[in-house]
Amino acid sequence: MKTLARVLLAAVLLTAPPWVAAQVSLNVSVNLAPPVLPVYVQPPLPAVGYLWTPGYWAWGDAGYYWVPGTWTLPPTPGYLWTPGYWAADGGTFLWHEGYWGPTVGFYGGINYGFGYGGVGFQGGYWRGGHLFYNQAVNNFGSVHISNVYNRRMTNVSTHVSYNGGPGGTRARPSAAQLAAAHGPHVQATEAQRTHVEAARSNASLRYSENHGRPAIAATARPGDFSGVHVAARGAGAARAPARAAVAARSPAERAAPETHAAPAQRAEPRSRAAPAEREQRQPREREPAHSDDREHH
């Protein structure tokens, strides 16, 4: 069955645009649209040098499960995170892996919040080997930040979690974003992979258990589910997600729930002292190409 599934996925990729095939993970299967993104606050920055990576819905044997947003260390100075995203193509939902690189690439126009407003990253940028943080979209908590600036973003209220298809975002990659995907970059770090595995094995993070309101929506460090973390503030109204025929890793992975309670707006911190709700914001043209925002809707 797994071999057949991969053949089916390969057939889909043969007819898909090059930008779709370039970033697709062959290890993921989905037969329903992912739930909408939940509302949650951002935990405080644990230390200087950490970068925010947003939460998202992943797929496992038990269906969709939430991978909490978290602060993580980049693999090398100068690298920023391009989040992964779901995309519908020809009735099939495909997962596009995230990656690290010197510039932020295409992530489906998904407003993950906290600097990831759908285009670029508005939460910070690198200069001279140092990370500069945008205090308008990051929660510093009690950590003293020397390299800081304040650049607010325009709020765009949307909680869509996938690109293309009925109800998905309509964004398409620019030439620069395509170049980022094909240029120098590295995959998720070991800490990030451990974080995902911890989320996969945590029953409370499964959509079938939390109905779009995960108890651990975000953490201060990767995989630390017992430390500083925050719960989702709410979930959106129930909706019937679009059904898609997809290639699956195993028969069990095809057994996705028939309906999803759609998570509601994500929240981001409103000040340096305490976390606040995230807001979907679009970057201004004058902002650095690699800056970000801190709210997730």
C-alpha atoms as a PDB file:
ATOM      1  CA  MET A   1       0.000   0.000   0.000  1.00  0.00           C
ATOM      2  CA  LYS A   2       2.782   2.420   0.886  1.00  0.00           C
ATOM      3  CA  THR A   3       4.494   1.761  -2.471  1.00  0.00           C
ATOM      4  CA  LEU A   4       1.233   2.351  -4.321  1.00  0.00           C
ATOM      5  CA  ALA A   5       0.667   5.560  -2.379  1.00  0.00           C
ATOM      6  CA  ARG A   6       4.061   6.915  -3.343  1.00  0.00           C
ATOM      7  CA  VAL A   7       3.388   6.066  -6.985  1.00  0.00           C
ATOM      8  CA  LEU A   8       0.125   7.986  -6.819  1.00  0.00           C
ATOM      9  CA  LEU A   9       1.837  10.973  -5.245  1.00  0.00           C
ATOM     10  CA  ALA A  10       4.568  10.859  -7.870  1.00  0.00           C
ATOM     11  CA  ALA A  11       1.890  10.963 -10.570  1.00  0.00           C
ATOM     12  CA  VAL A  12       0.414  14.068  -8.976  1.00  0.00           C
ATOM     13  CA  LEU A  13       3.800  15.759  -8.886  1.00  0.00           C
ATOM     14  CA  LEU A  14       4.416  15.045 -12.557  1.00  0.00           C
ATOM     15  CA  THR A  15       1.440  17.200 -13.481  1.00  0.00           C
ATOM     16  CA  ALA A  16       2.010  19.854 -10.816  1.00  0.00           C
ATOM     17  CA  PRO A  17       3.811  23.159 -11.428  1.00  0.00           C
ATOM     18  CA  PRO A  18       7.575  23.029 -10.702  1.00  0.00           C
ATOM     19  CA  TRP A  19       7.199  25.211  -7.604  1.00  0.00           C
ATOM     20  CA  VAL A  20       4.763  22.665  -6.148  1.00  0.00           C
ATOM     21  CA  ALA A  21       6.974  19.629  -6.699  1.00  0.00           C
ATOM     22  CA  ALA A  22      10.167  21.295  -5.477  1.00  0.00           C
ATOM     23  CA  GLN A  23       9.248  21.343  -1.781  1.00  0.00           C
ATOM     24  CA  VAL A  24       6.814  18.462  -1.291  1.00  0.00           C
ATOM     25  CA  SER A  25       7.476  15.852   1.377  1.00  0.00           C
ATOM     26  CA  LEU A  26       6.984  12.307   0.089  1.00  0.00           C
ATOM     27  CA  ASN A  27       6.508  11.035   3.637  1.00  0.00           C
ATOM     28  CA  VAL A  28       3.196  12.755   4.408  1.00  0.00           C
ATOM     29  CA  SER A  29      -0.331  11.754   3.468  1.00  0.00           C
ATOM     30  CA  VAL A  30      -3.578  13.675   3.854  1.00  0.00           C
ATOM     31  CA  ASN A  31      -7.124  13.147   2.683  1.00  0.00           C
ATOM     32  CA  LEU A  32      -8.809  16.162   4.291  1.00  0.00           C
ATOM     33  CA  ALA A  33      -8.037  19.848   4.401  1.00  0.00           C
ATOM     34  CA  PRO A  34      -6.214  20.853   7.599  1.00  0.00           C
ATOM     35  CA  PRO A  35      -8.163  22.696  10.325  1.00  0.00           C
ATOM     36  CA  VAL A  36      -7.845  26.460  10.552  1.00  0.00           C
ATOM     37  CA  LEU A  37      -5.117  27.902  12.741  1.00  0.00           C
ATOM     38  CA  PRO A  38      -5.886  28.370  16.452  1.00  0.00           C
ATOM     39  CA  VAL A  39      -5.588  31.535  18.524  1.00  0.00           C
ATOM     40  CA  TYR A  40      -2.714  31.495  21.015  1.00  0.00           C
ATOM     41  CA  VAL A  41      -0.172  33.783  22.633  1.00  0.00           C
ATOM     42  CA  GLN A  42       3.572  33.694  22.173  1.00  0.00           C
ATOM     43  CA  PRO A  43       5.685  32.507  25.114  1.00  0.00           C
ATOM     44  CA  PRO A  44       8.528  34.814  26.194  1.00  0.00           C
ATOM     45  CA  LEU A  45      11.830  34.644  24.344  1.00  0.00           C
ATOM     46  CA  PRO A  46      14.073  32.231  26.327  1.00  0.00           C
ATOM     47  CA  ALA A  47      17.383  33.881  25.389  1.00  0.00           C
ATOM     48  CA  VAL A  48      19.022  36.123  22.810  1.00  0.00           C
ATOM     49  CA  GLY A  49      19.647  34.305  19.525  1.00  0.00           C
ATOM     50  CA  TYR A  50      16.425  32.281  19.446  1.00  0.00           C
ATOM     51  CA  LEU A  51      14.072  32.718  16.493  1.00  0.00           C
ATOM     52  CA  TRP A  52      10.327  32.110  16.467  1.00  0.00           C
ATOM     53  CA  THR A  53       9.035  29.192  14.371  1.00  0.00           C
ATOM     54  CA  PRO A  54       5.217  29.093  14.087  1.00  0.00           C
ATOM     55  CA  GLY A  55       2.903  26.225  14.973  1.00  0.00           C
ATOM     56  CA  TYR A  56       1.049  24.226  12.325  1.00  0.00           C
ATOM     57  CA  TRP A  57      -1.178  21.196  11.768  1.00  0.00           C
ATOM     58  CA  ALA A  58       0.747  18.065  10.832  1.00  0.00           C
ATOM     59  CA  TRP A  59      -0.510  14.636   9.814  1.00  0.00           C
ATOM     60  CA  GLY A  60       0.080  11.314  11.572  1.00  0.00           C
ATOM     61  CA  ASP A  61      -1.460   7.886  12.078  1.00  0.00           C
ATOM     62  CA  ALA A  62      -4.240   9.383  14.217  1.00  0.00           C
ATOM     63  CA  GLY A  63      -5.032  12.212  11.795  1.00  0.00           C
ATOM     64  CA  TYR A  64      -4.122  15.853  12.229  1.00  0.00           C
ATOM     65  CA  TYR A  65      -2.136  16.936  15.271  1.00  0.00           C
ATOM     66  CA  TRP A  66      -0.853  20.333  16.339  1.00  0.00           C
ATOM     67  CA  VAL A  67       2.880  21.042  16.316  1.00  0.00           C
ATOM     68  CA  PRO A  68       3.266  23.908  18.822  1.00  0.00           C
ATOM     69  CA  GLY A  69       4.986  27.097  17.800  1.00  0.00           C
ATOM     70  CA  THR A  70       8.335  27.452  19.536  1.00  0.00           C
ATOM     71  CA  TRP A  71      11.494  29.508  19.915  1.00  0.00           C
ATOM     72  CA  THR A  72      14.462  27.685  18.408  1.00  0.00           C
ATOM     73  CA  LEU A  73      18.100  28.331  17.566  1.00  0.00           C
ATOM     74  CA  PRO A  74      18.931  28.731  13.866  1.00  0.00           C
ATOM     75  CA  PRO A  75      21.458  26.209  12.496  1.00  0.00           C
ATOM     76  CA  THR A  76      23.834  29.031  11.615  1.00  0.00           C
ATOM     77  CA  PRO A  77      23.948  32.840  11.981  1.00  0.00           C
ATOM     78  CA  GLY A  78      22.273  34.621   9.095  1.00  0.00           C
ATOM     79  CA  TYR A  79      19.644  31.947   8.448  1.00  0.00           C
ATOM     80  CA  LEU A  80      15.888  32.508   8.743  1.00  0.00           C
ATOM     81  CA  TRP A  81      13.035  30.008   8.810  1.00  0.00           C
ATOM     82  CA  THR A  82      10.629  29.472   5.919  1.00  0.00           C
ATOM     83  CA  PRO A  83       7.610  27.668   7.451  1.00  0.00           C
ATOM     84  CA  GLY A  84       6.155  24.583   5.854  1.00  0.00           C
ATOM     85  CA  TYR A  85       2.614  24.702   4.473  1.00  0.00           C
ATOM     86  CA  TRP A  86      -0.212  22.602   3.055  1.00  0.00           C
ATOM     87  CA  ALA A  87      -1.253  23.117  -0.572  1.00  0.00           C
ATOM     88  CA  ALA A  88      -4.194  21.758  -2.528  1.00  0.00           C
ATOM     89  CA  ASP A  89      -3.501  20.817  -6.128  1.00  0.00           C
ATOM     90  CA  GLY A  90      -5.880  18.919  -8.355  1.00  0.00           C
ATOM     91  CA  GLY A  91      -7.915  17.711  -5.391  1.00  0.00           C
ATOM     92  CA  THR A  92      -4.822  16.549  -3.487  1.00  0.00           C
ATOM     93  CA  PHE A  93      -3.373  18.139  -0.340  1.00  0.00           C
ATOM     94  CA  LEU A  94       0.419  18.100  -0.262  1.00  0.00           C
ATOM     95  CA  TRP A  95       2.767  19.096   2.544  1.00  0.00           C
ATOM     96  CA  HIS A  96       5.665  21.404   1.671  1.00  0.00           C
ATOM     97  CA  GLU A  97       8.521  21.138   4.159  1.00  0.00           C
ATOM     98  CA  GLY A  98       9.936  24.195   5.887  1.00  0.00           C
ATOM     99  CA  TYR A  99      13.640  25.038   5.671  1.00  0.00           C
ATOM    100  CA  TRP A 100      16.372  27.408   6.860  1.00  0.00           C
ATOM    101  CA  GLY A 101      18.117  29.804   4.495  1.00  0.00           C
ATOM    102  CA  PRO A 102      19.536  33.321   4.132  1.00  0.00           C
ATOM    103  CA  THR A 103      16.168  34.587   2.857  1.00  0.00           C
ATOM    104  CA  VAL A 104      12.571  33.582   3.532  1.00  0.00           C
ATOM    105  CA  GLY A 105      10.898  31.770   0.662  1.00  0.00           C
ATOM    106  CA  PHE A 106       7.310  30.947  -0.217  1.00  0.00           C
ATOM    107  CA  TYR A 107       5.065  29.462   2.470  1.00  0.00           C
ATOM    108  CA  GLY A 108       1.723  29.527   0.730  1.00  0.00           C
ATOM    109  CA  GLY A 109       0.637  33.002   1.771  1.00  0.00           C
ATOM    110  CA  ILE A 110      -0.376  31.499   5.125  1.00  0.00           C
ATOM    111  CA  ASN A 111      -0.658  34.025   7.945  1.00  0.00           C
ATOM    112  CA  TYR A 112       1.046  32.124  10.742  1.00  0.00           C
ATOM    113  CA  GLY A 113       1.383  35.297  12.790  1.00  0.00           C
ATOM    114  CA  PHE A 114       4.244  36.507  14.997  1.00  0.00           C
ATOM    115  CA  GLY A 115       6.022  37.984  11.999  1.00  0.00           C
ATOM    116  CA  TYR A 116       4.918  35.415   9.425  1.00  0.00           C
ATOM    117  CA  GLY A 117       2.102  37.378   7.790  1.00  0.00           C
ATOM    118  CA  GLY A 118       2.045  35.375   4.565  1.00  0.00           C
ATOM    119  CA  VAL A 119       5.019  37.035   2.860  1.00  0.00           C
ATOM    120  CA  GLY A 120       8.516  37.198   4.317  1.00  0.00           C
ATOM    121  CA  PHE A 121       9.341  37.481   8.000  1.00  0.00           C
ATOM    122  CA  GLN A 122       8.657  40.707   9.877  1.00  0.00           C
ATOM    123  CA  GLY A 123       9.898  39.675  13.311  1.00  0.00           C
ATOM    124  CA  GLY A 124      13.575  40.309  12.815  1.00  0.00           C
ATOM    125  CA  TYR A 125      16.594  40.352  10.539  1.00  0.00           C
ATOM    126  CA  TRP A 126      20.301  39.569  10.589  1.00  0.00           C
ATOM    127  CA  ARG A 127      23.044  42.176  10.400  1.00  0.00           C
ATOM    128  CA  GLY A 128      26.722  41.553  10.967  1.00  0.00           C
ATOM    129  CA  GLY A 129      26.088  38.139  12.476  1.00  0.00           C
ATOM    130  CA  HIS A 130      23.616  39.547  15.009  1.00  0.00           C
ATOM    131  CA  LEU A 131      19.855  39.064  15.104  1.00  0.00           C
ATOM    132  CA  PHE A 132      17.781  42.234  15.411  1.00  0.00           C
ATOM    133  CA  TYR A 133      14.292  41.763  16.884  1.00  0.00           C
ATOM    134  CA  ASN A 134      11.119  43.660  16.068  1.00  0.00           C
ATOM    135  CA  GLN A 135       9.553  44.470  19.443  1.00  0.00           C
ATOM    136  CA  ALA A 136       6.184  45.101  17.785  1.00  0.00           C
ATOM    137  CA  VAL A 137       5.747  41.378  17.105  1.00  0.00           C
ATOM    138  CA  ASN A 138       7.965  39.560  19.619  1.00  0.00           C
ATOM    139  CA  ASN A 139       7.456  38.841  23.307  1.00  0.00           C
ATOM    140  CA  PHE A 140      10.792  39.466  25.049  1.00  0.00           C
ATOM    141  CA  GLY A 141       9.559  38.703  28.551  1.00  0.00           C
ATOM    142  CA  SER A 142      12.387  39.510  30.983  1.00  0.00           C
ATOM    143  CA  VAL A 143      15.200  39.013  28.450  1.00  0.00           C
ATOM    144  CA  HIS A 144      17.200  42.175  27.753  1.00  0.00           C
ATOM    145  CA  ILE A 145      17.518  42.787  24.006  1.00  0.00           C
ATOM    146  CA  SER A 146      20.094  45.285  22.732  1.00  0.00           C
ATOM    147  CA  ASN A 147      19.453  44.854  19.011  1.00  0.00           C
ATOM    148  CA  VAL A 148      15.827  45.901  18.797  1.00  0.00           C
ATOM    149  CA  TYR A 149      13.605  48.000  16.552  1.00  0.00           C
ATOM    150  CA  ASN A 150       9.891  48.775  16.424  1.00  0.00           C
ATOM    151  CA  ARG A 151       7.979  48.356  13.189  1.00  0.00           C
ATOM    152  CA  ARG A 152       4.279  47.612  13.335  1.00  0.00           C
ATOM    153  CA  MET A 153       2.392  45.665  10.687  1.00  0.00           C
ATOM    154  CA  THR A 154      -1.036  45.943   9.116  1.00  0.00           C
ATOM    155  CA  ASN A 155      -3.451  43.444  10.629  1.00  0.00           C
ATOM    156  CA  VAL A 156      -5.078  40.968   8.221  1.00  0.00           C
ATOM    157  CA  SER A 157      -7.589  38.718   9.985  1.00  0.00           C
ATOM    158  CA  THR A 158      -7.469  35.239   8.464  1.00  0.00           C
ATOM    159  CA  HIS A 159      -6.937  31.770   9.880  1.00  0.00           C
ATOM    160  CA  VAL A 160      -6.703  29.704   6.686  1.00  0.00           C
ATOM    161  CA  SER A 161      -4.141  26.919   7.007  1.00  0.00           C
ATOM    162  CA  TYR A 162      -3.599  25.849   3.401  1.00  0.00           C
ATOM    163  CA  ASN A 163      -2.918  27.244  -0.067  1.00  0.00           C
ATOM    164  CA  GLY A 164      -5.088  26.656  -3.130  1.00  0.00           C
ATOM    165  CA  GLY A 165      -8.329  24.718  -3.490  1.00  0.00           C
ATOM    166  CA  PRO A 166     -11.718  25.744  -2.060  1.00  0.00           C
ATOM    167  CA  GLY A 167     -11.208  28.165   0.807  1.00  0.00           C
ATOM    168  CA  GLY A 168      -7.408  28.228   0.555  1.00  0.00           C
ATOM    169  CA  THR A 169      -5.136  31.223   0.077  1.00  0.00           C
ATOM    170  CA  ARG A 170      -4.549  32.282  -3.515  1.00  0.00           C
ATOM    171  CA  ALA A 171      -0.886  33.257  -3.165  1.00  0.00           C
ATOM    172  CA  ARG A 172       1.670  32.155  -5.760  1.00  0.00           C
ATOM    173  CA  PRO A 173       5.449  32.327  -5.368  1.00  0.00           C
ATOM    174  CA  SER A 174       7.458  35.230  -6.735  1.00  0.00           C
ATOM    175  CA  ALA A 175      10.719  34.775  -8.608  1.00  0.00           C
ATOM    176  CA  ALA A 176      12.645  35.727  -5.462  1.00  0.00           C
ATOM    177  CA  GLN A 177      10.750  33.191  -3.355  1.00  0.00           C
ATOM    178  CA  LEU A 178      11.412  30.437  -5.873  1.00  0.00           C
ATOM    179  CA  ALA A 179      15.088  31.369  -5.833  1.00  0.00           C
ATOM    180  CA  ALA A 180      15.135  31.007  -2.045  1.00  0.00           C
ATOM    181  CA  ALA A 181      13.820  27.445  -2.299  1.00  0.00           C
ATOM    182  CA  HIS A 182      16.438  26.490  -4.871  1.00  0.00           C
ATOM    183  CA  GLY A 183      19.273  28.435  -3.264  1.00  0.00           C
ATOM    184  CA  PRO A 184      21.430  27.549  -0.242  1.00  0.00           C
ATOM    185  CA  HIS A 185      19.279  26.152   2.560  1.00  0.00           C
ATOM    186  CA  VAL A 186      19.121  23.381   5.149  1.00  0.00           C
ATOM    187  CA  GLN A 187      16.251  21.348   6.530  1.00  0.00           C
ATOM    188  CA  ALA A 188      14.830  21.441  10.050  1.00  0.00           C
ATOM    189  CA  THR A 189      17.329  21.050  12.874  1.00  0.00           C
ATOM    190  CA  GLU A 190      17.485  18.003  15.132  1.00  0.00           C
ATOM    191  CA  ALA A 191      15.784  20.017  17.880  1.00  0.00           C
ATOM    192  CA  GLN A 192      12.921  20.820  15.535  1.00  0.00           C
ATOM    193  CA  ARG A 193      12.539  17.200  14.469  1.00  0.00           C
ATOM    194  CA  THR A 194      12.476  16.108  18.106  1.00  0.00           C
ATOM    195  CA  HIS A 195       9.815  18.747  18.734  1.00  0.00           C
ATOM    196  CA  VAL A 196       7.626  17.322  15.962  1.00  0.00           C
ATOM    197  CA  GLU A 197       8.005  13.757  17.244  1.00  0.00           C
ATOM    198  CA  ALA A 198       7.065  14.864  20.763  1.00  0.00           C
ATOM    199  CA  ALA A 199       3.947  16.517  19.368  1.00  0.00           C
ATOM    200  CA  ARG A 200       3.054  13.430  17.337  1.00  0.00           C
ATOM    201  CA  SER A 201       3.127  11.239  20.442  1.00  0.00           C
ATOM    202  CA  ASN A 202       1.119  13.646  22.615  1.00  0.00           C
ATOM    203  CA  ALA A 203      -2.542  12.616  22.450  1.00  0.00           C
ATOM    204  CA  SER A 204      -3.778  16.009  23.662  1.00  0.00           C
ATOM    205  CA  LEU A 205      -2.393  17.635  20.513  1.00  0.00           C
ATOM    206  CA  ARG A 206      -4.463  15.469  18.176  1.00  0.00           C
ATOM    207  CA  TYR A 207      -7.334  17.242  16.505  1.00  0.00           C
ATOM    208  CA  SER A 208      -9.618  14.341  17.414  1.00  0.00           C
ATOM    209  CA  GLU A 209      -8.914  15.134  21.083  1.00  0.00           C
ATOM    210  CA  ASN A 210      -8.667  18.949  21.180  1.00  0.00           C
ATOM    211  CA  HIS A 211     -11.092  19.880  18.361  1.00  0.00           C
ATOM    212  CA  GLY A 212      -8.868  22.724  17.260  1.00  0.00           C
ATOM    213  CA  ARG A 213      -8.010  24.020  20.734  1.00  0.00           C
ATOM    214  CA  PRO A 214      -4.648  22.400  21.654  1.00  0.00           C
ATOM    215  CA  ALA A 215      -3.676  22.468  25.319  1.00  0.00           C
ATOM    216  CA  ILE A 216      -0.090  23.201  24.332  1.00  0.00           C
ATOM    217  CA  ALA A 217      -0.266  25.712  21.502  1.00  0.00           C
ATOM    218  CA  ALA A 218       3.263  27.087  21.890  1.00  0.00           C
ATOM    219  CA  THR A 219       6.411  26.418  23.924  1.00  0.00           C
ATOM    220  CA  ALA A 220       9.454  28.422  24.972  1.00  0.00           C
ATOM    221  CA  ARG A 221      11.896  25.789  23.691  1.00  0.00           C
ATOM    222  CA  PRO A 222      11.615  22.874  21.237  1.00  0.00           C
ATOM    223  CA  GLY A 223      10.199  19.702  22.777  1.00  0.00           C
ATOM    224  CA  ASP A 224       9.808  21.211  26.245  1.00  0.00           C
ATOM    225  CA  PHE A 225       6.127  20.486  26.816  1.00  0.00           C
ATOM    226  CA  SER A 226       6.470  20.533  30.595  1.00  0.00           C
ATOM    227  CA  GLY A 227       8.110  23.960  30.808  1.00  0.00           C
ATOM    228  CA  VAL A 228       6.750  27.373  29.813  1.00  0.00           C
ATOM    229  CA  HIS A 229       3.930  26.862  27.344  1.00  0.00           C
ATOM    230  CA  VAL A 230       0.563  28.350  26.447  1.00  0.00           C
ATOM    231  CA  ALA A 231      -2.787  26.880  25.467  1.00  0.00           C
ATOM    232  CA  ALA A 232      -4.906  27.930  22.524  1.00  0.00           C
ATOM    233  CA  ARG A 233      -7.300  30.714  23.464  1.00  0.00           C
ATOM    234  CA  GLY A 234     -10.043  29.387  21.250  1.00  0.00           C
ATOM    235  CA  ALA A 235     -11.113  27.506  18.156  1.00  0.00           C
ATOM    236  CA  GLY A 236     -13.222  28.699  15.283  1.00  0.00           C
ATOM    237  CA  ALA A 237     -16.676  27.562  14.245  1.00  0.00           C
ATOM    238  CA  ALA A 238     -17.058  24.024  12.997  1.00  0.00           C
ATOM    239  CA  ARG A 239     -16.777  23.553   9.253  1.00  0.00           C
ATOM    240  CA  ALA A 240     -16.730  20.657   6.833  1.00  0.00           C
ATOM    241  CA  PRO A 241     -13.238  20.629   5.311  1.00  0.00           C
ATOM    242  CA  ALA A 242     -12.769  19.883   1.646  1.00  0.00           C
ATOM    243  CA  ARG A 243     -12.096  16.206   0.990  1.00  0.00           C
ATOM    244  CA  ALA A 244      -9.128  15.340  -1.174  1.00  0.00           C
ATOM    245  CA  ALA A 245      -7.780  12.176  -2.724  1.00  0.00           C
ATOM    246  CA  VAL A 246      -4.171  11.833  -1.610  1.00  0.00           C
ATOM    247  CA  ALA A 247      -1.294   9.427  -1.526  1.00  0.00           C
ATOM    248  CA  ALA A 248      -0.870   8.030   1.970  1.00  0.00           C
ATOM    249  CA  ARG A 249       2.046   6.584   3.909  1.00  0.00           C
ATOM    250  CA  SER A 250      -0.227   3.893   5.294  1.00  0.00           C
ATOM    251  CA  PRO A 251      -3.921   2.932   5.332  1.00  0.00           C
ATOM    252  CA  ALA A 252      -4.235   4.309   8.858  1.00  0.00           C
ATOM    253  CA  GLU A 253      -3.160   7.744   7.708  1.00  0.00           C
ATOM    254  CA  ARG A 254      -6.116   7.895   5.373  1.00  0.00           C
ATOM    255  CA  ALA A 255      -8.567   7.738   8.252  1.00  0.00           C
ATOM    256  CA  ALA A 256      -8.815  11.483   8.840  1.00  0.00           C
ATOM    257  CA  PRO A 257     -11.815  12.905  10.713  1.00  0.00           C
ATOM    258  CA  GLU A 258     -14.794  13.747   8.545  1.00  0.00           C
ATOM    259  CA  THR A 259     -15.186  17.235   9.946  1.00  0.00           C
ATOM    260  CA  HIS A 260     -12.959  19.719  11.679  1.00  0.00           C
ATOM    261  CA  ALA A 261     -13.799  22.335  14.237  1.00  0.00           C
ATOM    262  CA  ALA A 262     -11.993  25.314  12.798  1.00  0.00           C
ATOM    263  CA  PRO A 263      -9.543  26.946  15.198  1.00  0.00           C
ATOM    264  CA  ALA A 264      -9.960  30.675  15.667  1.00  0.00           C
ATOM    265  CA  GLN A 265      -7.586  33.630  15.541  1.00  0.00           C
ATOM    266  CA  ARG A 266      -4.065  33.299  16.764  1.00  0.00           C
ATOM    267  CA  ALA A 267      -2.740  35.845  19.184  1.00  0.00           C
ATOM    268  CA  GLU A 268       0.599  37.574  19.672  1.00  0.00           C
ATOM    269  CA  PRO A 269       2.176  39.593  22.477  1.00  0.00           C
ATOM    270  CA  ARG A 270       1.316  43.273  22.607  1.00  0.00           C
ATOM    271  CA  SER A 271       4.258  44.307  24.737  1.00  0.00           C
ATOM    272  CA  ARG A 272       7.732  43.281  25.755  1.00  0.00           C
ATOM    273  CA  ALA A 273       6.660  42.377  29.286  1.00  0.00           C
ATOM    274  CA  ALA A 274       3.908  39.833  28.689  1.00  0.00           C
ATOM    275  CA  PRO A 275       2.501  37.676  25.885  1.00  0.00           C
ATOM    276  CA  ALA A 276      -0.517  38.918  24.001  1.00  0.00           C
ATOM    277  CA  GLU A 277      -2.687  37.781  21.153  1.00  0.00           C
ATOM    278  CA  ARG A 278      -1.044  37.418  17.798  1.00  0.00           C
ATOM    279  CA  GLU A 279      -2.363  39.344  14.853  1.00  0.00           C
ATOM    280  CA  GLN A 280      -2.128  38.588  11.169  1.00  0.00           C
ATOM    281  CA  ARG A 281      -0.104  41.343   9.662  1.00  0.00           C
ATOM    282  CA  GLN A 282       1.245  42.053   6.211  1.00  0.00           C
ATOM    283  CA  PRO A 283       4.761  43.490   5.863  1.00  0.00           C
ATOM    284  CA  ARG A 284       5.207  47.034   4.579  1.00  0.00           C
ATOM    285  CA  GLU A 285       7.306  47.498   1.473  1.00  0.00           C
ATOM    286  CA  ARG A 286       9.953  49.494   3.309  1.00  0.00           C
ATOM    287  CA  GLU A 287      10.582  46.716   5.826  1.00  0.00           C
ATOM    288  CA  PRO A 288      13.647  44.472   5.506  1.00  0.00           C
ATOM    289  CA  ALA A 289      13.020  41.576   3.148  1.00  0.00           C
ATOM    290  CA  HIS A 290      13.694  39.168   5.983  1.00  0.00           C
ATOM    291  CA  SER A 291      11.765  40.818   8.796  1.00  0.00           C
ATOM    292  CA  ASP A 292       8.765  39.171  10.532  1.00  0.00           C
ATOM    293  CA  ASP A 293       5.731  39.614  12.774  1.00  0.00           C
ATOM    294  CA  ARG A 294       4.881  37.875  15.998  1.00  0.00           C
ATOM    295  CA  GLU A 295       1.148  37.073  15.917  1.00  0.00           C
ATOM    296  CA  HIS A 296      -0.409  33.903  14.558  1.00  0.00           C
ATOM    297  CA  HIS A 297      -4.108  33.808  13.554  1.00  0.00           C
END
